[in-house]
């Protein structure tokens, strides 16, 4: 698969690319809509992560998630020690 910058492609180009990829797989009649939607979702994620605001927001949420997971693991460890 060639290196593509999906962030510069229009929805129509993504739809065409998805249809071409499905056709290249040799599965006649397969609907490319699912692949096209997945590519659009990936493109939106790439664009968001290039934006400093969204990138910071994602990093903050990831840090908060890690803290919650560490706390839950610590509490479970303490419960197991007392049982």
PDB file of N, CA and C in Angstrom:
ATOM      1  N   UNK A   1       0.851  -1.176   0.000  1.00  0.00           N
ATOM      2  CA  UNK A   1       0.000   0.000   0.000  1.00  0.00           C
ATOM      3  C   UNK A   1       0.893   1.233   0.000  1.00  0.00           C
ATOM      4  N   UNK A   2       0.650   2.137  -0.909  1.00  0.00           N
ATOM      5  CA  UNK A   2       1.484   3.342  -0.962  1.00  0.00           C
ATOM      6  C   UNK A   2       1.230   4.243   0.239  1.00  0.00           C
ATOM      7  N   UNK A   3       2.232   5.074   0.547  1.00  0.00           N
ATOM      8  CA  UNK A   3       2.040   6.046   1.620  1.00  0.00           C
ATOM      9  C   UNK A   3       1.030   7.079   1.154  1.00  0.00           C
ATOM     10  N   UNK A   4      -0.038   7.209   1.904  1.00  0.00           N
ATOM     11  CA  UNK A   4      -1.091   8.163   1.564  1.00  0.00           C
ATOM     12  C   UNK A   4      -1.229   9.163   2.682  1.00  0.00           C
ATOM     13  N   UNK A   5      -1.501  10.392   2.302  1.00  0.00           N
ATOM     14  CA  UNK A   5      -1.843  11.398   3.301  1.00  0.00           C
ATOM     15  C   UNK A   5      -3.348  11.586   3.198  1.00  0.00           C
ATOM     16  N   UNK A   6      -4.066  10.797   3.967  1.00  0.00           N
ATOM     17  CA  UNK A   6      -5.520  10.853   3.907  1.00  0.00           C
ATOM     18  C   UNK A   6      -6.069  12.196   4.365  1.00  0.00           C
ATOM     19  N   UNK A   7      -5.266  12.936   5.123  1.00  0.00           N
ATOM     20  CA  UNK A   7      -5.755  14.224   5.628  1.00  0.00           C
ATOM     21  C   UNK A   7      -5.933  15.236   4.512  1.00  0.00           C
ATOM     22  N   UNK A   8      -5.330  14.987   3.357  1.00  0.00           N
ATOM     23  CA  UNK A   8      -5.476  15.923   2.239  1.00  0.00           C
ATOM     24  C   UNK A   8      -6.508  15.450   1.220  1.00  0.00           C
ATOM     25  N   UNK A   9      -7.075  14.265   1.455  1.00  0.00           N
ATOM     26  CA  UNK A   9      -8.046  13.714   0.510  1.00  0.00           C
ATOM     27  C   UNK A   9      -9.463  14.175   0.848  1.00  0.00           C
ATOM     28  N   UNK A  10     -10.249  14.372  -0.189  1.00  0.00           N
ATOM     29  CA  UNK A  10     -11.664  14.696   0.001  1.00  0.00           C
ATOM     30  C   UNK A  10     -12.430  13.410   0.305  1.00  0.00           C
ATOM     31  N   UNK A  11     -13.672  13.554   0.764  1.00  0.00           N
ATOM     32  CA  UNK A  11     -14.503  12.373   1.015  1.00  0.00           C
ATOM     33  C   UNK A  11     -14.678  11.550  -0.263  1.00  0.00           C
ATOM     34  N   UNK A  12     -14.853  12.231  -1.395  1.00  0.00           N
ATOM     35  CA  UNK A  12     -15.018  11.524  -2.672  1.00  0.00           C
ATOM     36  C   UNK A  12     -13.756  10.735  -3.017  1.00  0.00           C
ATOM     37  N   UNK A  13     -12.590  11.317  -2.770  1.00  0.00           N
ATOM     38  CA  UNK A  13     -11.339  10.605  -3.040  1.00  0.00           C
ATOM     39  C   UNK A  13     -11.188   9.400  -2.110  1.00  0.00           C
ATOM     40  N   UNK A  14     -11.582   9.562  -0.843  1.00  0.00           N
ATOM     41  CA  UNK A  14     -11.521   8.447   0.102  1.00  0.00           C
ATOM     42  C   UNK A  14     -12.480   7.338  -0.339  1.00  0.00           C
ATOM     43  N   UNK A  15     -13.688   7.706  -0.782  1.00  0.00           N
ATOM     44  CA  UNK A  15     -14.648   6.712  -1.266  1.00  0.00           C
ATOM     45  C   UNK A  15     -14.086   5.956  -2.466  1.00  0.00           C
ATOM     46  N   UNK A  16     -13.477   6.685  -3.397  1.00  0.00           N
ATOM     47  CA  UNK A  16     -12.883   6.064  -4.582  1.00  0.00           C
ATOM     48  C   UNK A  16     -11.743   5.140  -4.189  1.00  0.00           C
ATOM     49  N   UNK A  17     -10.893   5.603  -3.304  1.00  0.00           N
ATOM     50  CA  UNK A  17      -9.761   4.786  -2.856  1.00  0.00           C
ATOM     51  C   UNK A  17     -10.264   3.512  -2.173  1.00  0.00           C
ATOM     52  N   UNK A  18     -11.273   3.620  -1.332  1.00  0.00           N
ATOM     53  CA  UNK A  18     -11.831   2.449  -0.647  1.00  0.00           C
ATOM     54  C   UNK A  18     -12.397   1.457  -1.658  1.00  0.00           C
ATOM     55  N   UNK A  19     -13.121   1.964  -2.643  1.00  0.00           N
ATOM     56  CA  UNK A  19     -13.684   1.087  -3.674  1.00  0.00           C
ATOM     57  C   UNK A  19     -12.574   0.392  -4.454  1.00  0.00           C
ATOM     58  N   UNK A  20     -11.503   1.116  -4.767  1.00  0.00           N
ATOM     59  CA  UNK A  20     -10.366   0.517  -5.480  1.00  0.00           C
ATOM     60  C   UNK A  20      -9.699  -0.574  -4.648  1.00  0.00           C
ATOM     61  N   UNK A  21      -9.550  -0.328  -3.344  1.00  0.00           N
ATOM     62  CA  UNK A  21      -8.913  -1.320  -2.472  1.00  0.00           C
ATOM     63  C   UNK A  21      -9.776  -2.572  -2.328  1.00  0.00           C
ATOM     64  N   UNK A  22     -11.089  -2.395  -2.215  1.00  0.00           N
ATOM     65  CA  UNK A  22     -11.993  -3.536  -2.121  1.00  0.00           C
ATOM     66  C   UNK A  22     -11.959  -4.324  -3.428  1.00  0.00           C
ATOM     67  N   UNK A  23     -11.964  -3.618  -4.559  1.00  0.00           N
ATOM     68  CA  UNK A  23     -11.915  -4.298  -5.855  1.00  0.00           C
ATOM     69  C   UNK A  23     -10.598  -5.061  -6.022  1.00  0.00           C
ATOM     70  N   UNK A  24      -9.501  -4.480  -5.536  1.00  0.00           N
ATOM     71  CA  UNK A  24      -8.193  -5.127  -5.653  1.00  0.00           C
ATOM     72  C   UNK A  24      -8.122  -6.414  -4.824  1.00  0.00           C
ATOM     73  N   UNK A  25      -8.970  -6.525  -3.808  1.00  0.00           N
ATOM     74  CA  UNK A  25      -8.998  -7.736  -2.977  1.00  0.00           C
ATOM     75  C   UNK A  25      -9.688  -8.888  -3.684  1.00  0.00           C
ATOM     76  N   UNK A  26     -10.379  -8.596  -4.770  1.00  0.00           N
ATOM     77  CA  UNK A  26     -11.036  -9.642  -5.531  1.00  0.00           C
ATOM     78  C   UNK A  26     -12.305 -10.179  -4.899  1.00  0.00           C
ATOM     79  N   UNK A  27     -12.983  -9.338  -4.134  1.00  0.00           N
ATOM     80  CA  UNK A  27     -14.245  -9.760  -3.514  1.00  0.00           C
ATOM     81  C   UNK A  27     -15.368  -9.025  -4.240  1.00  0.00           C
ATOM     82  N   UNK A  28     -15.963  -9.677  -5.234  1.00  0.00           N
ATOM     83  CA  UNK A  28     -16.999  -8.994  -6.023  1.00  0.00           C
ATOM     84  C   UNK A  28     -18.234  -8.664  -5.189  1.00  0.00           C
ATOM     85  N   UNK A  29     -18.753  -7.477  -5.415  1.00  0.00           N
ATOM     86  CA  UNK A  29     -19.972  -7.060  -4.747  1.00  0.00           C
ATOM     87  C   UNK A  29     -19.809  -6.590  -3.313  1.00  0.00           C
ATOM     88  N   UNK A  30     -18.588  -6.582  -2.796  1.00  0.00           N
ATOM     89  CA  UNK A  30     -18.368  -6.140  -1.410  1.00  0.00           C
ATOM     90  C   UNK A  30     -18.565  -4.628  -1.325  1.00  0.00           C
ATOM     91  N   UNK A  31     -19.259  -4.184  -0.296  1.00  0.00           N
ATOM     92  CA  UNK A  31     -19.551  -2.761  -0.110  1.00  0.00           C
ATOM     93  C   UNK A  31     -18.338  -2.064   0.512  1.00  0.00           C
ATOM     94  N   UNK A  32     -17.784  -1.050  -0.149  1.00  0.00           N
ATOM     95  CA  UNK A  32     -16.610  -0.346   0.388  1.00  0.00           C
ATOM     96  C   UNK A  32     -16.952   0.701   1.445  1.00  0.00           C
ATOM     97  N   UNK A  33     -18.228   0.838   1.801  1.00  0.00           N
ATOM     98  CA  UNK A  33     -18.638   1.897   2.727  1.00  0.00           C
ATOM     99  C   UNK A  33     -17.964   1.769   4.091  1.00  0.00           C
ATOM    100  N   UNK A  34     -17.828   0.554   4.589  1.00  0.00           N
ATOM    101  CA  UNK A  34     -17.190   0.353   5.895  1.00  0.00           C
ATOM    102  C   UNK A  34     -15.741   0.784   5.897  1.00  0.00           C
ATOM    103  N   UNK A  35     -15.017   0.413   4.847  1.00  0.00           N
ATOM    104  CA  UNK A  35     -13.609   0.831   4.729  1.00  0.00           C
ATOM    105  C   UNK A  35     -13.515   2.341   4.586  1.00  0.00           C
ATOM    106  N   UNK A  36     -14.376   2.927   3.775  1.00  0.00           N
ATOM    107  CA  UNK A  36     -14.357   4.379   3.586  1.00  0.00           C
ATOM    108  C   UNK A  36     -14.605   5.102   4.911  1.00  0.00           C
ATOM    109  N   UNK A  37     -15.566   4.608   5.708  1.00  0.00           N
ATOM    110  CA  UNK A  37     -15.857   5.238   7.000  1.00  0.00           C
ATOM    111  C   UNK A  37     -14.674   5.090   7.949  1.00  0.00           C
ATOM    112  N   UNK A  38     -14.051   3.926   7.956  1.00  0.00           N
ATOM    113  CA  UNK A  38     -12.876   3.719   8.807  1.00  0.00           C
ATOM    114  C   UNK A  38     -11.743   4.663   8.407  1.00  0.00           C
ATOM    115  N   UNK A  39     -11.558   4.862   7.115  1.00  0.00           N
ATOM    116  CA  UNK A  39     -10.521   5.787   6.642  1.00  0.00           C
ATOM    117  C   UNK A  39     -10.841   7.222   7.046  1.00  0.00           C
ATOM    118  N   UNK A  40     -12.120   7.600   6.961  1.00  0.00           N
ATOM    119  CA  UNK A  40     -12.511   8.959   7.380  1.00  0.00           C
ATOM    120  C   UNK A  40     -12.302   9.135   8.885  1.00  0.00           C
ATOM    121  N   UNK A  41     -12.626   8.101   9.676  1.00  0.00           N
ATOM    122  CA  UNK A  41     -12.406   8.176  11.125  1.00  0.00           C
ATOM    123  C   UNK A  41     -10.920   8.324  11.432  1.00  0.00           C
ATOM    124  N   UNK A  42     -10.093   7.560  10.732  1.00  0.00           N
ATOM    125  CA  UNK A  42      -8.650   7.640  10.932  1.00  0.00           C
ATOM    126  C   UNK A  42      -8.134   9.030  10.556  1.00  0.00           C
ATOM    127  N   UNK A  43      -8.676   9.575   9.476  1.00  0.00           N
ATOM    128  CA  UNK A  43      -8.276  10.910   9.032  1.00  0.00           C
ATOM    129  C   UNK A  43      -8.645  11.955  10.073  1.00  0.00           C
ATOM    130  N   UNK A  44      -9.846  11.860  10.614  1.00  0.00           N
ATOM    131  CA  UNK A  44     -10.280  12.822  11.637  1.00  0.00           C
ATOM    132  C   UNK A  44      -9.371  12.731  12.863  1.00  0.00           C
ATOM    133  N   UNK A  45      -8.999  11.519  13.247  1.00  0.00           N
ATOM    134  CA  UNK A  45      -8.112  11.329  14.402  1.00  0.00           C
ATOM    135  C   UNK A  45      -6.737  11.944  14.127  1.00  0.00           C
ATOM    136  N   UNK A  46      -6.213  11.720  12.916  1.00  0.00           N
ATOM    137  CA  UNK A  46      -4.914  12.300  12.560  1.00  0.00           C
ATOM    138  C   UNK A  46      -4.963  13.823  12.607  1.00  0.00           C
ATOM    139  N   UNK A  47      -6.020  14.390  12.063  1.00  0.00           N
ATOM    140  CA  UNK A  47      -6.163  15.849  12.071  1.00  0.00           C
ATOM    141  C   UNK A  47      -6.268  16.377  13.494  1.00  0.00           C
ATOM    142  N   UNK A  48      -7.021  15.690  14.328  1.00  0.00           N
ATOM    143  CA  UNK A  48      -7.190  16.138  15.716  1.00  0.00           C
ATOM    144  C   UNK A  48      -5.855  16.087  16.458  1.00  0.00           C
ATOM    145  N   UNK A  49      -5.074  15.046  16.230  1.00  0.00           N
ATOM    146  CA  UNK A  49      -3.799  14.921  16.939  1.00  0.00           C
ATOM    147  C   UNK A  49      -2.750  15.905  16.427  1.00  0.00           C
ATOM    148  N   UNK A  50      -2.971  16.484  15.268  1.00  0.00           N
ATOM    149  CA  UNK A  50      -2.071  17.523  14.768  1.00  0.00           C
ATOM    150  C   UNK A  50      -2.405  18.881  15.371  1.00  0.00           C
ATOM    151  N   UNK A  51      -3.594  19.002  15.936  1.00  0.00           N
ATOM    152  CA  UNK A  51      -4.035  20.247  16.553  1.00  0.00           C
ATOM    153  C   UNK A  51      -3.559  20.245  18.010  1.00  0.00           C
ATOM    154  N   UNK A  52      -2.758  21.241  18.410  1.00  0.00           N
ATOM    155  CA  UNK A  52      -2.215  21.252  19.769  1.00  0.00           C
ATOM    156  C   UNK A  52      -3.290  21.182  20.863  1.00  0.00           C
ATOM    157  N   UNK A  53      -4.423  21.832  20.657  1.00  0.00           N
ATOM    158  CA  UNK A  53      -5.490  21.804  21.661  1.00  0.00           C
ATOM    159  C   UNK A  53      -5.972  20.377  21.892  1.00  0.00           C
ATOM    160  N   UNK A  54      -6.315  19.673  20.798  1.00  0.00           N
ATOM    161  CA  UNK A  54      -6.836  18.308  20.926  1.00  0.00           C
ATOM    162  C   UNK A  54      -5.760  17.345  21.401  1.00  0.00           C
ATOM    163  N   UNK A  55      -4.542  17.557  20.941  1.00  0.00           N
ATOM    164  CA  UNK A  55      -3.437  16.698  21.374  1.00  0.00           C
ATOM    165  C   UNK A  55      -3.244  16.817  22.889  1.00  0.00           C
ATOM    166  N   UNK A  56      -3.245  18.036  23.407  1.00  0.00           N
ATOM    167  CA  UNK A  56      -3.116  18.247  24.855  1.00  0.00           C
ATOM    168  C   UNK A  56      -4.285  17.619  25.602  1.00  0.00           C
ATOM    169  N   UNK A  57      -5.484  17.778  25.064  1.00  0.00           N
ATOM    170  CA  UNK A  57      -6.675  17.211  25.700  1.00  0.00           C
ATOM    171  C   UNK A  57      -6.575  15.690  25.769  1.00  0.00           C
ATOM    172  N   UNK A  58      -6.152  15.068  24.682  1.00  0.00           N
ATOM    173  CA  UNK A  58      -5.991  13.605  24.653  1.00  0.00           C
ATOM    174  C   UNK A  58      -4.920  13.177  25.655  1.00  0.00           C
ATOM    175  N   UNK A  59      -3.808  13.895  25.704  1.00  0.00           N
ATOM    176  CA  UNK A  59      -2.738  13.559  26.644  1.00  0.00           C
ATOM    177  C   UNK A  59      -3.197  13.704  28.095  1.00  0.00           C
ATOM    178  N   UNK A  60      -3.973  14.744  28.385  1.00  0.00           N
ATOM    179  CA  UNK A  60      -4.490  14.939  29.742  1.00  0.00           C
ATOM    180  C   UNK A  60      -5.428  13.796  30.128  1.00  0.00           C
ATOM    181  N   UNK A  61      -6.295  13.403  29.204  1.00  0.00           N
ATOM    182  CA  UNK A  61      -7.226  12.312  29.493  1.00  0.00           C
ATOM    183  C   UNK A  61      -6.471  10.995  29.670  1.00  0.00           C
ATOM    184  N   UNK A  62      -5.441  10.780  28.864  1.00  0.00           N
ATOM    185  CA  UNK A  62      -4.645   9.556  29.002  1.00  0.00           C
ATOM    186  C   UNK A  62      -3.948   9.524  30.358  1.00  0.00           C
ATOM    187  N   UNK A  63      -3.436  10.652  30.805  1.00  0.00           N
ATOM    188  CA  UNK A  63      -2.780  10.709  32.114  1.00  0.00           C
ATOM    189  C   UNK A  63      -3.790  10.444  33.233  1.00  0.00           C
ATOM    190  N   UNK A  64      -4.982  11.010  33.115  1.00  0.00           N
ATOM    191  CA  UNK A  64      -6.023  10.784  34.118  1.00  0.00           C
ATOM    192  C   UNK A  64      -6.444   9.313  34.132  1.00  0.00           C
ATOM    193  N   UNK A  65      -6.529   8.701  32.965  1.00  0.00           N
ATOM    194  CA  UNK A  65      -6.877   7.289  32.879  1.00  0.00           C
ATOM    195  C   UNK A  65      -5.814   6.436  33.561  1.00  0.00           C
ATOM    196  N   UNK A  66      -4.543   6.729  33.301  1.00  0.00           N
ATOM    197  CA  UNK A  66      -3.455   5.972  33.939  1.00  0.00           C
ATOM    198  C   UNK A  66      -3.516   6.100  35.457  1.00  0.00           C
ATOM    199  N   UNK A  67      -3.802   7.307  35.955  1.00  0.00           N
ATOM    200  CA  UNK A  67      -3.910   7.501  37.402  1.00  0.00           C
ATOM    201  C   UNK A  67      -5.052   6.677  37.982  1.00  0.00           C
ATOM    202  N   UNK A  68      -6.201   6.663  37.297  1.00  0.00           N
ATOM    203  CA  UNK A  68      -7.335   5.864  37.769  1.00  0.00           C
ATOM    204  C   UNK A  68      -6.982   4.382  37.786  1.00  0.00           C
ATOM    205  N   UNK A  69      -6.298   3.926  36.754  1.00  0.00           N
ATOM    206  CA  UNK A  69      -5.899   2.518  36.681  1.00  0.00           C
ATOM    207  C   UNK A  69      -4.900   2.171  37.775  1.00  0.00           C
ATOM    208  N   UNK A  70      -3.947   3.068  38.021  1.00  0.00           N
ATOM    209  CA  UNK A  70      -2.968   2.828  39.088  1.00  0.00           C
ATOM    210  C   UNK A  70      -3.649   2.777  40.452  1.00  0.00           C
ATOM    211  N   UNK A  71      -4.603   3.671  40.692  1.00  0.00           N
ATOM    212  CA  UNK A  71      -5.336   3.686  41.953  1.00  0.00           C
ATOM    213  C   UNK A  71      -6.135   2.399  42.126  1.00  0.00           C
ATOM    214  N   UNK A  72      -6.814   1.966  41.078  1.00  0.00           N
ATOM    215  CA  UNK A  72      -7.599   0.731  41.139  1.00  0.00           C
ATOM    216  C   UNK A  72      -6.692  -0.470  41.403  1.00  0.00           C
ATOM    217  N   UNK A  73      -5.533  -0.500  40.768  1.00  0.00           N
ATOM    218  CA  UNK A  73      -4.590  -1.604  40.985  1.00  0.00           C
ATOM    219  C   UNK A  73      -4.069  -1.592  42.424  1.00  0.00           C
ATOM    220  N   UNK A  74      -3.781  -0.409  42.937  1.00  0.00           N
ATOM    221  CA  UNK A  74      -3.295  -0.277  44.310  1.00  0.00           C
ATOM    222  C   UNK A  74      -4.364  -0.737  45.302  1.00  0.00           C
ATOM    223  N   UNK A  75      -5.618  -0.323  45.080  1.00  0.00           N
ATOM    224  CA  UNK A  75      -6.710  -0.729  45.961  1.00  0.00           C
ATOM    225  C   UNK A  75      -6.920  -2.237  45.913  1.00  0.00           C
ATOM    226  N   UNK A  76      -6.843  -2.823  44.736  1.00  0.00           N
ATOM    227  CA  UNK A  76      -6.986  -4.265  44.610  1.00  0.00           C
ATOM    228  C   UNK A  76      -5.850  -4.982  45.336  1.00  0.00           C
ATOM    229  N   UNK A  77      -4.647  -4.476  45.191  1.00  0.00           N
ATOM    230  CA  UNK A  77      -3.503  -5.065  45.870  1.00  0.00           C
ATOM    231  C   UNK A  77      -3.686  -5.016  47.388  1.00  0.00           C
ATOM    232  N   UNK A  78      -4.164  -3.887  47.897  1.00  0.00           N
ATOM    233  CA  UNK A  78      -4.405  -3.754  49.336  1.00  0.00           C
ATOM    234  C   UNK A  78      -5.502  -4.713  49.793  1.00  0.00           C
ATOM    235  N   UNK A  79      -6.561  -4.870  49.016  1.00  0.00           N
ATOM    236  CA  UNK A  79      -7.627  -5.798  49.371  1.00  0.00           C
ATOM    237  C   UNK A  79      -7.085  -7.217  49.454  1.00  0.00           C
ATOM    238  N   UNK A  80      -6.265  -7.583  48.486  1.00  0.00           N
ATOM    239  CA  UNK A  80      -5.719  -8.930  48.457  1.00  0.00           C
ATOM    240  C   UNK A  80      -4.769  -9.172  49.641  1.00  0.00           C
ATOM    241  N   UNK A  81      -4.059  -8.132  50.069  1.00  0.00           N
ATOM    242  CA  UNK A  81      -3.153  -8.268  51.201  1.00  0.00           C
ATOM    243  C   UNK A  81      -3.939  -8.518  52.488  1.00  0.00           C
ATOM    244  N   UNK A  82      -5.127  -7.907  52.616  1.00  0.00           N
ATOM    245  CA  UNK A  82      -5.909  -8.018  53.848  1.00  0.00           C
ATOM    246  C   UNK A  82      -6.820  -9.251  53.851  1.00  0.00           C
ATOM    247  N   UNK A  83      -6.904  -9.948  52.727  1.00  0.00           N
ATOM    248  CA  UNK A  83      -7.794 -11.113  52.736  1.00  0.00           C
ATOM    249  C   UNK A  83      -7.050 -12.392  53.009  1.00  0.00           C
TER     250      UNK A  83
END
